[in-house]
Amino acid sequence: MSSANVSATSDWMRLDAQLCFRLYAASRTVTRCYQPLLADLGLTYPQYLVMLVLWEEDDLTVKGLGARLMLDSGTLTPLLKRLEVNGLIGRERRPANEREVRLRLTEAGQAMRSKAEGIPPALMTALGLSFEELHQMRTMLDKLLGKAEAESAVIN
């Protein structure tokens, strides 16, 4: 192995060379930026994600919501219980299939949407990102997610 290849291999083992670290740090930092914006709504970031999906498509099953958010029901259940206690969603089991739980926004949950509409532009401003930069970043992350999901399916 040439000395250039040894150096390149060594560089791959540096923390700042790891894609996973950049994604992890960026995710934590951006999520932290949401906290003051969501405080007025009384939502945590994961609860906000649930509400975003339900504002987009109300009356989903827990399984359908989990698929959209890439989360399992064990992770979703505590979030959904809190949103229900706060009067933002209702959960009901289907009589035809007791295992299927349907989620519906309450009037308060529907009304919260208009209060939340200012969050995405406020976050873009806080991060100093243009719409074009945000679009480019989403495109790259969608590509990464697609490739990682495909690879994960092959490995598992």
C-alpha atoms as a PDB file:
ATOM      1  CA  MET A   1       0.000   0.000   0.000  1.00  0.00           C
ATOM      2  CA  SER A   2       1.423   3.392  -0.921  1.00  0.00           C
ATOM      3  CA  SER A   3       1.995   6.073   1.718  1.00  0.00           C
ATOM      4  CA  ALA A   4      -0.783   8.181   0.084  1.00  0.00           C
ATOM      5  CA  ASN A   5      -3.272   5.318   0.582  1.00  0.00           C
ATOM      6  CA  VAL A   6      -2.180   4.824   4.198  1.00  0.00           C
ATOM      7  CA  SER A   7      -2.727   8.514   4.850  1.00  0.00           C
ATOM      8  CA  ALA A   8      -6.147   8.466   3.156  1.00  0.00           C
ATOM      9  CA  THR A   9      -7.138   5.408   5.201  1.00  0.00           C
ATOM     10  CA  SER A  10      -6.001   7.089   8.410  1.00  0.00           C
ATOM     11  CA  ASP A  11      -7.983  10.211   7.529  1.00  0.00           C
ATOM     12  CA  TRP A  12     -11.146   8.112   7.213  1.00  0.00           C
ATOM     13  CA  MET A  13     -10.791   7.192  10.871  1.00  0.00           C
ATOM     14  CA  ARG A  14     -10.919  10.799  12.043  1.00  0.00           C
ATOM     15  CA  LEU A  15     -14.169  11.927  13.670  1.00  0.00           C
ATOM     16  CA  ASP A  16     -14.490  14.971  11.444  1.00  0.00           C
ATOM     17  CA  ALA A  17     -14.269  12.723   8.352  1.00  0.00           C
ATOM     18  CA  GLN A  18     -17.343  10.738   9.395  1.00  0.00           C
ATOM     19  CA  LEU A  19     -20.592  11.502   7.575  1.00  0.00           C
ATOM     20  CA  CYS A  20     -22.556   9.936  10.427  1.00  0.00           C
ATOM     21  CA  PHE A  21     -21.081  12.412  12.901  1.00  0.00           C
ATOM     22  CA  ARG A  22     -21.934  15.416  10.721  1.00  0.00           C
ATOM     23  CA  LEU A  23     -25.510  14.159  10.315  1.00  0.00           C
ATOM     24  CA  TYR A  24     -25.845  13.458  14.040  1.00  0.00           C
ATOM     25  CA  ALA A  25     -24.443  16.847  15.085  1.00  0.00           C
ATOM     26  CA  ALA A  26     -26.511  18.726  12.492  1.00  0.00           C
ATOM     27  CA  SER A  27     -29.690  16.897  13.532  1.00  0.00           C
ATOM     28  CA  ARG A  28     -29.169  17.657  17.223  1.00  0.00           C
ATOM     29  CA  THR A  29     -28.320  21.301  16.537  1.00  0.00           C
ATOM     30  CA  VAL A  30     -31.237  21.942  14.198  1.00  0.00           C
ATOM     31  CA  THR A  31     -33.621  20.169  16.577  1.00  0.00           C
ATOM     32  CA  ARG A  32     -32.366  22.436  19.367  1.00  0.00           C
ATOM     33  CA  CYS A  33     -33.154  25.465  17.163  1.00  0.00           C
ATOM     34  CA  TYR A  34     -36.771  24.301  16.989  1.00  0.00           C
ATOM     35  CA  GLN A  35     -37.200  24.261  20.782  1.00  0.00           C
ATOM     36  CA  PRO A  36     -37.907  27.978  21.340  1.00  0.00           C
ATOM     37  CA  LEU A  37     -40.192  28.058  18.288  1.00  0.00           C
ATOM     38  CA  LEU A  38     -42.190  25.069  19.533  1.00  0.00           C
ATOM     39  CA  ALA A  39     -42.336  26.245  23.153  1.00  0.00           C
ATOM     40  CA  ASP A  40     -45.200  28.612  22.324  1.00  0.00           C
ATOM     41  CA  LEU A  41     -47.187  25.649  21.014  1.00  0.00           C
ATOM     42  CA  GLY A  42     -46.294  23.435  23.965  1.00  0.00           C
ATOM     43  CA  LEU A  43     -44.867  20.787  21.625  1.00  0.00           C
ATOM     44  CA  THR A  44     -41.648  18.845  21.632  1.00  0.00           C
ATOM     45  CA  TYR A  45     -39.881  18.308  18.326  1.00  0.00           C
ATOM     46  CA  PRO A  46     -41.090  14.676  17.939  1.00  0.00           C
ATOM     47  CA  GLN A  47     -44.662  15.801  18.747  1.00  0.00           C
ATOM     48  CA  TYR A  48     -44.328  18.519  16.103  1.00  0.00           C
ATOM     49  CA  LEU A  49     -43.366  15.871  13.536  1.00  0.00           C
ATOM     50  CA  VAL A  50     -46.495  13.868  14.422  1.00  0.00           C
ATOM     51  CA  MET A  51     -48.636  16.983  14.070  1.00  0.00           C
ATOM     52  CA  LEU A  52     -47.049  17.834  10.702  1.00  0.00           C
ATOM     53  CA  VAL A  53     -48.031  14.430   9.338  1.00  0.00           C
ATOM     54  CA  LEU A  54     -51.579  14.687  10.709  1.00  0.00           C
ATOM     55  CA  TRP A  55     -52.016  18.229   9.360  1.00  0.00           C
ATOM     56  CA  GLU A  56     -51.014  16.820   5.996  1.00  0.00           C
ATOM     57  CA  GLU A  57     -53.182  13.687   6.234  1.00  0.00           C
ATOM     58  CA  ASP A  58     -55.631  13.360   9.113  1.00  0.00           C
ATOM     59  CA  ASP A  59     -57.201  10.043  10.122  1.00  0.00           C
ATOM     60  CA  LEU A  60     -54.158   7.790   9.850  1.00  0.00           C
ATOM     61  CA  THR A  61     -53.397   4.529  11.565  1.00  0.00           C
ATOM     62  CA  VAL A  62     -50.524   4.398  14.031  1.00  0.00           C
ATOM     63  CA  LYS A  63     -48.822   2.039  11.581  1.00  0.00           C
ATOM     64  CA  GLY A  64     -49.253   4.558   8.742  1.00  0.00           C
ATOM     65  CA  LEU A  65     -47.906   7.371  10.907  1.00  0.00           C
ATOM     66  CA  GLY A  66     -44.945   5.218  11.927  1.00  0.00           C
ATOM     67  CA  ALA A  67     -44.145   4.508   8.295  1.00  0.00           C
ATOM     68  CA  ARG A  68     -44.194   8.216   7.450  1.00  0.00           C
ATOM     69  CA  LEU A  69     -41.972   9.121  10.410  1.00  0.00           C
ATOM     70  CA  MET A  70     -39.800   5.991  10.204  1.00  0.00           C
ATOM     71  CA  LEU A  71     -40.612   5.215  13.839  1.00  0.00           C
ATOM     72  CA  ASP A  72     -41.975   2.085  15.511  1.00  0.00           C
ATOM     73  CA  SER A  73     -45.160   2.004  17.580  1.00  0.00           C
ATOM     74  CA  GLY A  74     -43.169   1.655  20.823  1.00  0.00           C
ATOM     75  CA  THR A  75     -41.589   5.051  20.151  1.00  0.00           C
ATOM     76  CA  LEU A  76     -44.837   6.626  18.938  1.00  0.00           C
ATOM     77  CA  THR A  77     -47.129   5.470  21.753  1.00  0.00           C
ATOM     78  CA  PRO A  78     -45.821   7.839  24.467  1.00  0.00           C
ATOM     79  CA  LEU A  79     -45.877  10.763  21.992  1.00  0.00           C
ATOM     80  CA  LEU A  80     -49.437   9.995  20.978  1.00  0.00           C
ATOM     81  CA  LYS A  81     -50.601   9.604  24.576  1.00  0.00           C
ATOM     82  CA  ARG A  82     -49.185  13.041  25.445  1.00  0.00           C
ATOM     83  CA  LEU A  83     -50.818  14.650  22.393  1.00  0.00           C
ATOM     84  CA  GLU A  84     -54.116  13.018  23.373  1.00  0.00           C
ATOM     85  CA  VAL A  85     -53.832  14.200  26.996  1.00  0.00           C
ATOM     86  CA  ASN A  86     -53.144  17.710  25.647  1.00  0.00           C
ATOM     87  CA  GLY A  87     -56.361  17.526  23.615  1.00  0.00           C
ATOM     88  CA  LEU A  88     -54.700  17.703  20.195  1.00  0.00           C
ATOM     89  CA  ILE A  89     -55.521  14.239  18.845  1.00  0.00           C
ATOM     90  CA  GLY A  90     -57.972  11.435  19.437  1.00  0.00           C
ATOM     91  CA  ARG A  91     -57.152   7.731  19.204  1.00  0.00           C
ATOM     92  CA  GLU A  92     -59.709   5.054  18.520  1.00  0.00           C
ATOM     93  CA  ARG A  93     -59.548   1.333  17.889  1.00  0.00           C
ATOM     94  CA  ARG A  94     -61.418   0.104  14.848  1.00  0.00           C
ATOM     95  CA  PRO A  95     -64.284  -2.257  15.743  1.00  0.00           C
ATOM     96  CA  ALA A  96     -63.480  -4.439  12.718  1.00  0.00           C
ATOM     97  CA  ASN A  97     -59.821  -4.745  13.744  1.00  0.00           C
ATOM     98  CA  GLU A  98     -59.010  -4.074  17.397  1.00  0.00           C
ATOM     99  CA  ARG A  99     -55.275  -3.963  16.654  1.00  0.00           C
ATOM    100  CA  GLU A 100     -55.689  -0.974  14.326  1.00  0.00           C
ATOM    101  CA  VAL A 101     -55.635   2.409  16.070  1.00  0.00           C
ATOM    102  CA  ARG A 102     -56.815   5.419  14.064  1.00  0.00           C
ATOM    103  CA  LEU A 103     -55.537   8.918  14.827  1.00  0.00           C
ATOM    104  CA  ARG A 104     -57.589  12.056  14.268  1.00  0.00           C
ATOM    105  CA  LEU A 105     -56.905  15.686  14.997  1.00  0.00           C
ATOM    106  CA  THR A 106     -59.244  17.386  17.430  1.00  0.00           C
ATOM    107  CA  GLU A 107     -60.506  20.909  16.784  1.00  0.00           C
ATOM    108  CA  ALA A 108     -57.660  22.205  18.966  1.00  0.00           C
ATOM    109  CA  GLY A 109     -55.173  20.147  16.963  1.00  0.00           C
ATOM    110  CA  GLN A 110     -56.538  21.491  13.691  1.00  0.00           C
ATOM    111  CA  ALA A 111     -56.488  25.070  15.012  1.00  0.00           C
ATOM    112  CA  MET A 112     -52.856  24.731  16.091  1.00  0.00           C
ATOM    113  CA  ARG A 113     -51.796  24.448  12.440  1.00  0.00           C
ATOM    114  CA  SER A 114     -52.274  28.161  11.784  1.00  0.00           C
ATOM    115  CA  LYS A 115     -50.115  28.976  14.820  1.00  0.00           C
ATOM    116  CA  ALA A 116     -47.408  26.611  13.549  1.00  0.00           C
ATOM    117  CA  GLU A 117     -47.232  28.022  10.018  1.00  0.00           C
ATOM    118  CA  GLY A 118     -44.608  30.570  11.057  1.00  0.00           C
ATOM    119  CA  ILE A 119     -42.181  27.928  12.316  1.00  0.00           C
ATOM    120  CA  PRO A 120     -40.539  26.838   9.012  1.00  0.00           C
ATOM    121  CA  PRO A 121     -39.742  30.393   7.841  1.00  0.00           C
ATOM    122  CA  ALA A 122     -38.571  31.355  11.346  1.00  0.00           C
ATOM    123  CA  LEU A 123     -36.214  28.376  11.364  1.00  0.00           C
ATOM    124  CA  MET A 124     -34.832  29.251   7.921  1.00  0.00           C
ATOM    125  CA  THR A 125     -34.181  32.784   9.149  1.00  0.00           C
ATOM    126  CA  ALA A 126     -32.573  31.556  12.369  1.00  0.00           C
ATOM    127  CA  LEU A 127     -30.270  29.239  10.398  1.00  0.00           C
ATOM    128  CA  GLY A 128     -29.516  31.840   7.739  1.00  0.00           C
ATOM    129  CA  LEU A 129     -30.603  29.516   4.927  1.00  0.00           C
ATOM    130  CA  SER A 130     -32.178  30.548   1.657  1.00  0.00           C
ATOM    131  CA  PHE A 131     -35.042  28.565   0.157  1.00  0.00           C
ATOM    132  CA  GLU A 132     -32.662  27.328  -2.564  1.00  0.00           C
ATOM    133  CA  GLU A 133     -30.101  26.113   0.010  1.00  0.00           C
ATOM    134  CA  LEU A 134     -32.839  24.354   1.938  1.00  0.00           C
ATOM    135  CA  HIS A 135     -34.101  22.698  -1.254  1.00  0.00           C
ATOM    136  CA  GLN A 136     -30.580  21.526  -2.191  1.00  0.00           C
ATOM    137  CA  MET A 137     -30.020  20.116   1.275  1.00  0.00           C
ATOM    138  CA  ARG A 138     -33.352  18.248   1.235  1.00  0.00           C
ATOM    139  CA  THR A 139     -32.540  16.821  -2.209  1.00  0.00           C
ATOM    140  CA  MET A 140     -29.170  15.510  -1.019  1.00  0.00           C
ATOM    141  CA  LEU A 141     -30.654  14.083   2.185  1.00  0.00           C
ATOM    142  CA  ASP A 142     -33.459  12.381   0.228  1.00  0.00           C
ATOM    143  CA  LYS A 143     -30.812  10.804  -2.008  1.00  0.00           C
ATOM    144  CA  LEU A 144     -28.820   9.666   1.032  1.00  0.00           C
ATOM    145  CA  LEU A 145     -31.919   8.237   2.741  1.00  0.00           C
ATOM    146  CA  GLY A 146     -32.922   6.340  -0.385  1.00  0.00           C
ATOM    147  CA  LYS A 147     -29.483   4.805  -0.801  1.00  0.00           C
ATOM    148  CA  ALA A 148     -29.153   3.997   2.905  1.00  0.00           C
ATOM    149  CA  GLU A 149     -32.619   2.382   3.025  1.00  0.00           C
ATOM    150  CA  ALA A 150     -31.792   0.273  -0.043  1.00  0.00           C
ATOM    151  CA  GLU A 151     -28.479  -0.826   1.494  1.00  0.00           C
ATOM    152  CA  SER A 152     -30.151  -1.546   4.823  1.00  0.00           C
ATOM    153  CA  ALA A 153     -32.677  -3.791   3.073  1.00  0.00           C
ATOM    154  CA  VAL A 154     -29.828  -5.743   1.440  1.00  0.00           C
ATOM    155  CA  ILE A 155     -27.905  -6.126   4.723  1.00  0.00           C
ATOM    156  CA  ASN A 156     -30.946  -7.148   6.761  1.00  0.00           C
END
